[in-house]
Amino acid sequence: MPAQFDSMGLRFLYPDNWTVAPSEETEASSGMGATLDIPGGGFLSLEWSPAADVDEMISRIETTICEEYDDVERENTHWDLVSPDTPIIDLRFYYLDLLIQCRFVLLTNLPAAHRIAAQQVFSQPTAAEGSNEEEADTPSLAAFTQGDPPVLVVQLQAESRDFDKNETVFAAIIKQLTEQSL
């Protein structure tokens, strides 16, 4: 029986042998990110981000990966299950002796129910709101209610064989995120 993710204003089914990883400190305090670990070492990461400039966001993602790993290959790609204008980039790089495939899908046109639920989640007070530490780096509700709607950044990463093996599951999750109403 599949497990259900129900957090961050999102709801979808995923394999019951995947685990929801403990959030990083900033994600735990903001509620804006989550990671699901895949048996064998891969993961699926979700993060809400303000949509000020999607091209700049892609550039930052690529720069961060390139700073950490040598010889990163980049390919713009598409999936038939999302709108043709959905930004999707594949990055491939070697870690130790393994070829890692990393796909970023920037979902900008999610159903209104997801965006509204996310805004409700982010309007709840968090433990970090009382302190000034790192508060400037944490996106606020204002960032999600002013201007463009938020972007859901989905990162799918695994060793290339594991990525291929899980690609249909990744696709099913993306399909749930883009089509499902809450």
C-alpha atoms as a PDB file:
ATOM      1  CA  MET A   1       0.000   0.000   0.000  1.00  0.00           C
ATOM      2  CA  PRO A   2       1.467   3.385  -0.893  1.00  0.00           C
ATOM      3  CA  ALA A   3       2.262   6.011   1.710  1.00  0.00           C
ATOM      4  CA  GLN A   4       0.796   9.508   1.528  1.00  0.00           C
ATOM      5  CA  PHE A   5       2.711  12.775   1.770  1.00  0.00           C
ATOM      6  CA  ASP A   6       0.481  15.493   3.227  1.00  0.00           C
ATOM      7  CA  SER A   7       2.483  18.575   4.136  1.00  0.00           C
ATOM      8  CA  MET A   8       3.491  22.000   2.788  1.00  0.00           C
ATOM      9  CA  GLY A   9       0.072  22.338   1.142  1.00  0.00           C
ATOM     10  CA  LEU A  10       0.813  19.271  -1.007  1.00  0.00           C
ATOM     11  CA  ARG A  11      -0.660  15.785  -1.038  1.00  0.00           C
ATOM     12  CA  PHE A  12       0.519  12.825  -3.096  1.00  0.00           C
ATOM     13  CA  LEU A  13       1.122   9.087  -2.880  1.00  0.00           C
ATOM     14  CA  TYR A  14       4.617   7.601  -2.909  1.00  0.00           C
ATOM     15  CA  PRO A  15       6.103   4.102  -2.419  1.00  0.00           C
ATOM     16  CA  ASP A  16       5.888   2.913   1.171  1.00  0.00           C
ATOM     17  CA  ASN A  17       9.566   1.889   1.182  1.00  0.00           C
ATOM     18  CA  TRP A  18      10.590   5.545   0.712  1.00  0.00           C
ATOM     19  CA  THR A  19      11.131   7.582   3.877  1.00  0.00           C
ATOM     20  CA  VAL A  20      10.531  11.226   4.656  1.00  0.00           C
ATOM     21  CA  ALA A  21      13.942  12.515   5.739  1.00  0.00           C
ATOM     22  CA  PRO A  22      14.315  14.836   8.703  1.00  0.00           C
ATOM     23  CA  SER A  23      14.192  18.430   7.476  1.00  0.00           C
ATOM     24  CA  GLU A  24      17.158  20.725   7.580  1.00  0.00           C
ATOM     25  CA  GLU A  25      16.933  23.312  10.363  1.00  0.00           C
ATOM     26  CA  THR A  26      15.826  26.125   8.033  1.00  0.00           C
ATOM     27  CA  GLU A  27      13.297  23.890   6.304  1.00  0.00           C
ATOM     28  CA  ALA A  28      11.921  22.670   9.628  1.00  0.00           C
ATOM     29  CA  SER A  29      11.432  26.193  10.880  1.00  0.00           C
ATOM     30  CA  SER A  30       9.877  27.484   7.671  1.00  0.00           C
ATOM     31  CA  GLY A  31       7.915  24.413   6.587  1.00  0.00           C
ATOM     32  CA  MET A  32       8.881  25.169   2.993  1.00  0.00           C
ATOM     33  CA  GLY A  33      10.868  22.054   2.137  1.00  0.00           C
ATOM     34  CA  ALA A  34      10.839  18.281   2.470  1.00  0.00           C
ATOM     35  CA  THR A  35      12.924  15.363   1.201  1.00  0.00           C
ATOM     36  CA  LEU A  36      11.893  11.785   0.531  1.00  0.00           C
ATOM     37  CA  ASP A  37      14.746   9.268   0.555  1.00  0.00           C
ATOM     38  CA  ILE A  38      14.699   6.418  -1.944  1.00  0.00           C
ATOM     39  CA  PRO A  39      16.131   3.002  -1.035  1.00  0.00           C
ATOM     40  CA  GLY A  40      19.511   2.727  -2.723  1.00  0.00           C
ATOM     41  CA  GLY A  41      20.563   6.316  -2.145  1.00  0.00           C
ATOM     42  CA  GLY A  42      18.449   8.639  -4.258  1.00  0.00           C
ATOM     43  CA  PHE A  43      15.977  11.277  -3.164  1.00  0.00           C
ATOM     44  CA  LEU A  44      13.093  13.502  -4.168  1.00  0.00           C
ATOM     45  CA  SER A  45      13.197  16.994  -2.694  1.00  0.00           C
ATOM     46  CA  LEU A  46      10.394  19.576  -2.666  1.00  0.00           C
ATOM     47  CA  GLU A  47      10.823  23.246  -1.864  1.00  0.00           C
ATOM     48  CA  TRP A  48       8.527  26.243  -2.241  1.00  0.00           C
ATOM     49  CA  SER A  49      10.335  29.315  -3.500  1.00  0.00           C
ATOM     50  CA  PRO A  50       9.281  32.831  -4.526  1.00  0.00           C
ATOM     51  CA  ALA A  51       8.970  33.078  -8.307  1.00  0.00           C
ATOM     52  CA  ALA A  52      10.757  36.375  -8.757  1.00  0.00           C
ATOM     53  CA  ASP A  53      12.926  35.115 -11.623  1.00  0.00           C
ATOM     54  CA  VAL A  54      12.820  31.463 -12.666  1.00  0.00           C
ATOM     55  CA  ASP A  55      15.830  31.834 -15.006  1.00  0.00           C
ATOM     56  CA  GLU A  56      17.888  33.249 -12.137  1.00  0.00           C
ATOM     57  CA  MET A  57      16.740  30.379  -9.920  1.00  0.00           C
ATOM     58  CA  ILE A  58      17.904  27.844 -12.538  1.00  0.00           C
ATOM     59  CA  SER A  59      21.245  29.626 -12.820  1.00  0.00           C
ATOM     60  CA  ARG A  60      21.737  29.515  -9.018  1.00  0.00           C
ATOM     61  CA  ILE A  61      20.895  25.810  -8.927  1.00  0.00           C
ATOM     62  CA  GLU A  62      23.344  25.022 -11.725  1.00  0.00           C
ATOM     63  CA  THR A  63      26.080  27.188 -10.187  1.00  0.00           C
ATOM     64  CA  THR A  64      25.690  25.466  -6.816  1.00  0.00           C
ATOM     65  CA  ILE A  65      26.003  21.988  -8.363  1.00  0.00           C
ATOM     66  CA  CYS A  66      28.951  23.052 -10.559  1.00  0.00           C
ATOM     67  CA  GLU A  67      30.803  24.456  -7.533  1.00  0.00           C
ATOM     68  CA  GLU A  68      30.498  21.113  -5.778  1.00  0.00           C
ATOM     69  CA  TYR A  69      31.177  18.706  -8.663  1.00  0.00           C
ATOM     70  CA  ASP A  70      33.506  18.694 -11.679  1.00  0.00           C
ATOM     71  CA  ASP A  71      32.428  18.238 -15.291  1.00  0.00           C
ATOM     72  CA  VAL A  72      28.705  18.783 -14.831  1.00  0.00           C
ATOM     73  CA  GLU A  73      26.685  18.188 -17.998  1.00  0.00           C
ATOM     74  CA  ARG A  74      23.474  20.193 -18.391  1.00  0.00           C
ATOM     75  CA  GLU A  75      20.532  19.426 -20.638  1.00  0.00           C
ATOM     76  CA  ASN A  76      17.219  21.246 -20.910  1.00  0.00           C
ATOM     77  CA  THR A  77      14.545  18.611 -21.234  1.00  0.00           C
ATOM     78  CA  HIS A  78      10.796  18.149 -21.140  1.00  0.00           C
ATOM     79  CA  TRP A  79       8.232  15.659 -19.920  1.00  0.00           C
ATOM     80  CA  ASP A  80       4.997  15.119 -21.774  1.00  0.00           C
ATOM     81  CA  LEU A  81       3.164  15.077 -18.443  1.00  0.00           C
ATOM     82  CA  VAL A  82       3.801  18.777 -17.729  1.00  0.00           C
ATOM     83  CA  SER A  83       3.205  21.944 -19.684  1.00  0.00           C
ATOM     84  CA  PRO A  84       5.801  22.488 -22.453  1.00  0.00           C
ATOM     85  CA  ASP A  85       6.835  25.775 -20.822  1.00  0.00           C
ATOM     86  CA  THR A  86       7.717  24.064 -17.514  1.00  0.00           C
ATOM     87  CA  PRO A  87      11.440  24.591 -16.876  1.00  0.00           C
ATOM     88  CA  ILE A  88      13.173  21.203 -16.494  1.00  0.00           C
ATOM     89  CA  ILE A  89      16.925  20.746 -16.393  1.00  0.00           C
ATOM     90  CA  ASP A  90      18.934  17.552 -16.139  1.00  0.00           C
ATOM     91  CA  LEU A  91      22.393  17.698 -14.624  1.00  0.00           C
ATOM     92  CA  ARG A  92      24.778  14.746 -14.779  1.00  0.00           C
ATOM     93  CA  PHE A  93      28.018  14.456 -12.877  1.00  0.00           C
ATOM     94  CA  TYR A  94      30.308  11.870 -11.359  1.00  0.00           C
ATOM     95  CA  TYR A  95      30.516  11.316  -7.629  1.00  0.00           C
ATOM     96  CA  LEU A  96      33.171   8.783  -6.724  1.00  0.00           C
ATOM     97  CA  ASP A  97      32.732   6.278  -9.582  1.00  0.00           C
ATOM     98  CA  LEU A  98      28.986   6.758  -9.958  1.00  0.00           C
ATOM     99  CA  LEU A  99      27.167   8.745 -12.624  1.00  0.00           C
ATOM    100  CA  ILE A 100      24.569  10.845 -10.815  1.00  0.00           C
ATOM    101  CA  GLN A 101      21.518  12.177 -12.606  1.00  0.00           C
ATOM    102  CA  CYS A 102      19.798  15.161 -11.081  1.00  0.00           C
ATOM    103  CA  ARG A 103      16.583  16.577 -12.545  1.00  0.00           C
ATOM    104  CA  PHE A 104      15.086  19.890 -11.449  1.00  0.00           C
ATOM    105  CA  VAL A 105      11.450  20.537 -12.316  1.00  0.00           C
ATOM    106  CA  LEU A 106      10.212  24.054 -11.574  1.00  0.00           C
ATOM    107  CA  LEU A 107       6.447  23.859 -11.274  1.00  0.00           C
ATOM    108  CA  THR A 108       5.045  27.332 -11.817  1.00  0.00           C
ATOM    109  CA  ASN A 109       1.472  26.513 -12.818  1.00  0.00           C
ATOM    110  CA  LEU A 110       0.233  24.343  -9.976  1.00  0.00           C
ATOM    111  CA  PRO A 111      -3.487  24.063  -9.282  1.00  0.00           C
ATOM    112  CA  ALA A 112      -4.833  26.982  -7.239  1.00  0.00           C
ATOM    113  CA  ALA A 113      -5.708  24.629  -4.371  1.00  0.00           C
ATOM    114  CA  HIS A 114      -2.000  23.835  -3.855  1.00  0.00           C
ATOM    115  CA  ARG A 115      -0.976  27.495  -3.838  1.00  0.00           C
ATOM    116  CA  ILE A 116      -3.770  28.464  -1.430  1.00  0.00           C
ATOM    117  CA  ALA A 117      -2.946  25.564   0.903  1.00  0.00           C
ATOM    118  CA  ALA A 118       0.756  26.495   0.797  1.00  0.00           C
ATOM    119  CA  GLN A 119      -0.042  30.108   1.670  1.00  0.00           C
ATOM    120  CA  GLN A 120      -2.141  28.913   4.619  1.00  0.00           C
ATOM    121  CA  VAL A 121       0.723  26.722   5.826  1.00  0.00           C
ATOM    122  CA  PHE A 122       3.189  29.597   5.578  1.00  0.00           C
ATOM    123  CA  SER A 123       0.887  32.015   7.400  1.00  0.00           C
ATOM    124  CA  GLN A 124       1.146  29.872  10.548  1.00  0.00           C
ATOM    125  CA  PRO A 125       3.672  31.166  13.115  1.00  0.00           C
ATOM    126  CA  THR A 126       6.885  29.152  13.255  1.00  0.00           C
ATOM    127  CA  ALA A 127       9.506  28.688  15.938  1.00  0.00           C
ATOM    128  CA  ALA A 128      11.941  30.827  13.947  1.00  0.00           C
ATOM    129  CA  GLU A 129       9.661  33.870  13.823  1.00  0.00           C
ATOM    130  CA  GLY A 130      10.556  34.886  17.354  1.00  0.00           C
ATOM    131  CA  SER A 131      14.278  34.988  16.643  1.00  0.00           C
ATOM    132  CA  ASN A 132      16.332  37.107  14.292  1.00  0.00           C
ATOM    133  CA  GLU A 133      18.789  34.321  13.401  1.00  0.00           C
ATOM    134  CA  GLU A 134      18.721  33.506   9.686  1.00  0.00           C
ATOM    135  CA  GLU A 135      15.270  35.094   9.465  1.00  0.00           C
ATOM    136  CA  ALA A 136      16.387  37.302   6.587  1.00  0.00           C
ATOM    137  CA  ASP A 137      17.317  34.207   4.538  1.00  0.00           C
ATOM    138  CA  THR A 138      14.005  32.418   5.119  1.00  0.00           C
ATOM    139  CA  PRO A 139      11.262  33.298   2.640  1.00  0.00           C
ATOM    140  CA  SER A 140       8.210  34.766   4.322  1.00  0.00           C
ATOM    141  CA  LEU A 141       4.522  34.598   3.562  1.00  0.00           C
ATOM    142  CA  ALA A 142       4.821  38.056   2.009  1.00  0.00           C
ATOM    143  CA  ALA A 143       7.137  36.602  -0.636  1.00  0.00           C
ATOM    144  CA  PHE A 144       4.391  34.144  -1.556  1.00  0.00           C
ATOM    145  CA  THR A 145       1.476  36.556  -1.581  1.00  0.00           C
ATOM    146  CA  GLN A 146       3.000  39.487  -3.448  1.00  0.00           C
ATOM    147  CA  GLY A 147       3.483  39.367  -7.190  1.00  0.00           C
ATOM    148  CA  ASP A 148       3.949  36.055  -8.944  1.00  0.00           C
ATOM    149  CA  PRO A 149       2.669  32.793  -7.451  1.00  0.00           C
ATOM    150  CA  PRO A 150       5.279  30.581  -5.769  1.00  0.00           C
ATOM    151  CA  VAL A 151       7.325  27.986  -7.624  1.00  0.00           C
ATOM    152  CA  LEU A 152       7.567  24.430  -6.371  1.00  0.00           C
ATOM    153  CA  VAL A 153      11.137  23.289  -7.035  1.00  0.00           C
ATOM    154  CA  VAL A 154      11.244  19.498  -7.320  1.00  0.00           C
ATOM    155  CA  GLN A 155      14.676  17.853  -7.336  1.00  0.00           C
ATOM    156  CA  LEU A 156      14.912  14.211  -8.386  1.00  0.00           C
ATOM    157  CA  GLN A 157      18.348  12.702  -7.873  1.00  0.00           C
ATOM    158  CA  ALA A 158      19.855   9.225  -7.941  1.00  0.00           C
ATOM    159  CA  GLU A 159      22.647   7.190  -9.475  1.00  0.00           C
ATOM    160  CA  SER A 160      21.774   6.894 -13.179  1.00  0.00           C
ATOM    161  CA  ARG A 161      20.547   3.267 -13.031  1.00  0.00           C
ATOM    162  CA  ASP A 162      18.431   3.984  -9.946  1.00  0.00           C
ATOM    163  CA  PHE A 163      17.137   7.154 -11.596  1.00  0.00           C
ATOM    164  CA  ASP A 164      16.018   5.169 -14.647  1.00  0.00           C
ATOM    165  CA  LYS A 165      14.434   2.523 -12.410  1.00  0.00           C
ATOM    166  CA  ASN A 166      12.463   5.172 -10.459  1.00  0.00           C
ATOM    167  CA  GLU A 167      11.622   7.528 -13.327  1.00  0.00           C
ATOM    168  CA  THR A 168       8.044   6.243 -13.647  1.00  0.00           C
ATOM    169  CA  VAL A 169       7.502   6.818  -9.917  1.00  0.00           C
ATOM    170  CA  PHE A 170       8.959  10.330 -10.230  1.00  0.00           C
ATOM    171  CA  ALA A 171       6.610  10.957 -13.151  1.00  0.00           C
ATOM    172  CA  ALA A 172       3.598   9.702 -11.176  1.00  0.00           C
ATOM    173  CA  ILE A 173       4.402  12.093  -8.319  1.00  0.00           C
ATOM    174  CA  ILE A 174       4.842  15.036 -10.689  1.00  0.00           C
ATOM    175  CA  LYS A 175       1.535  14.144 -12.352  1.00  0.00           C
ATOM    176  CA  GLN A 176      -0.205  14.100  -8.965  1.00  0.00           C
ATOM    177  CA  LEU A 177       1.254  17.496  -8.099  1.00  0.00           C
ATOM    178  CA  THR A 178       0.208  19.113 -11.361  1.00  0.00           C
ATOM    179  CA  GLU A 179      -3.260  17.634 -11.762  1.00  0.00           C
ATOM    180  CA  GLN A 180      -4.629  16.830  -8.346  1.00  0.00           C
ATOM    181  CA  SER A 181      -6.839  19.154  -6.388  1.00  0.00           C
ATOM    182  CA  LEU A 182      -6.680  18.957  -2.614  1.00  0.00           C
END
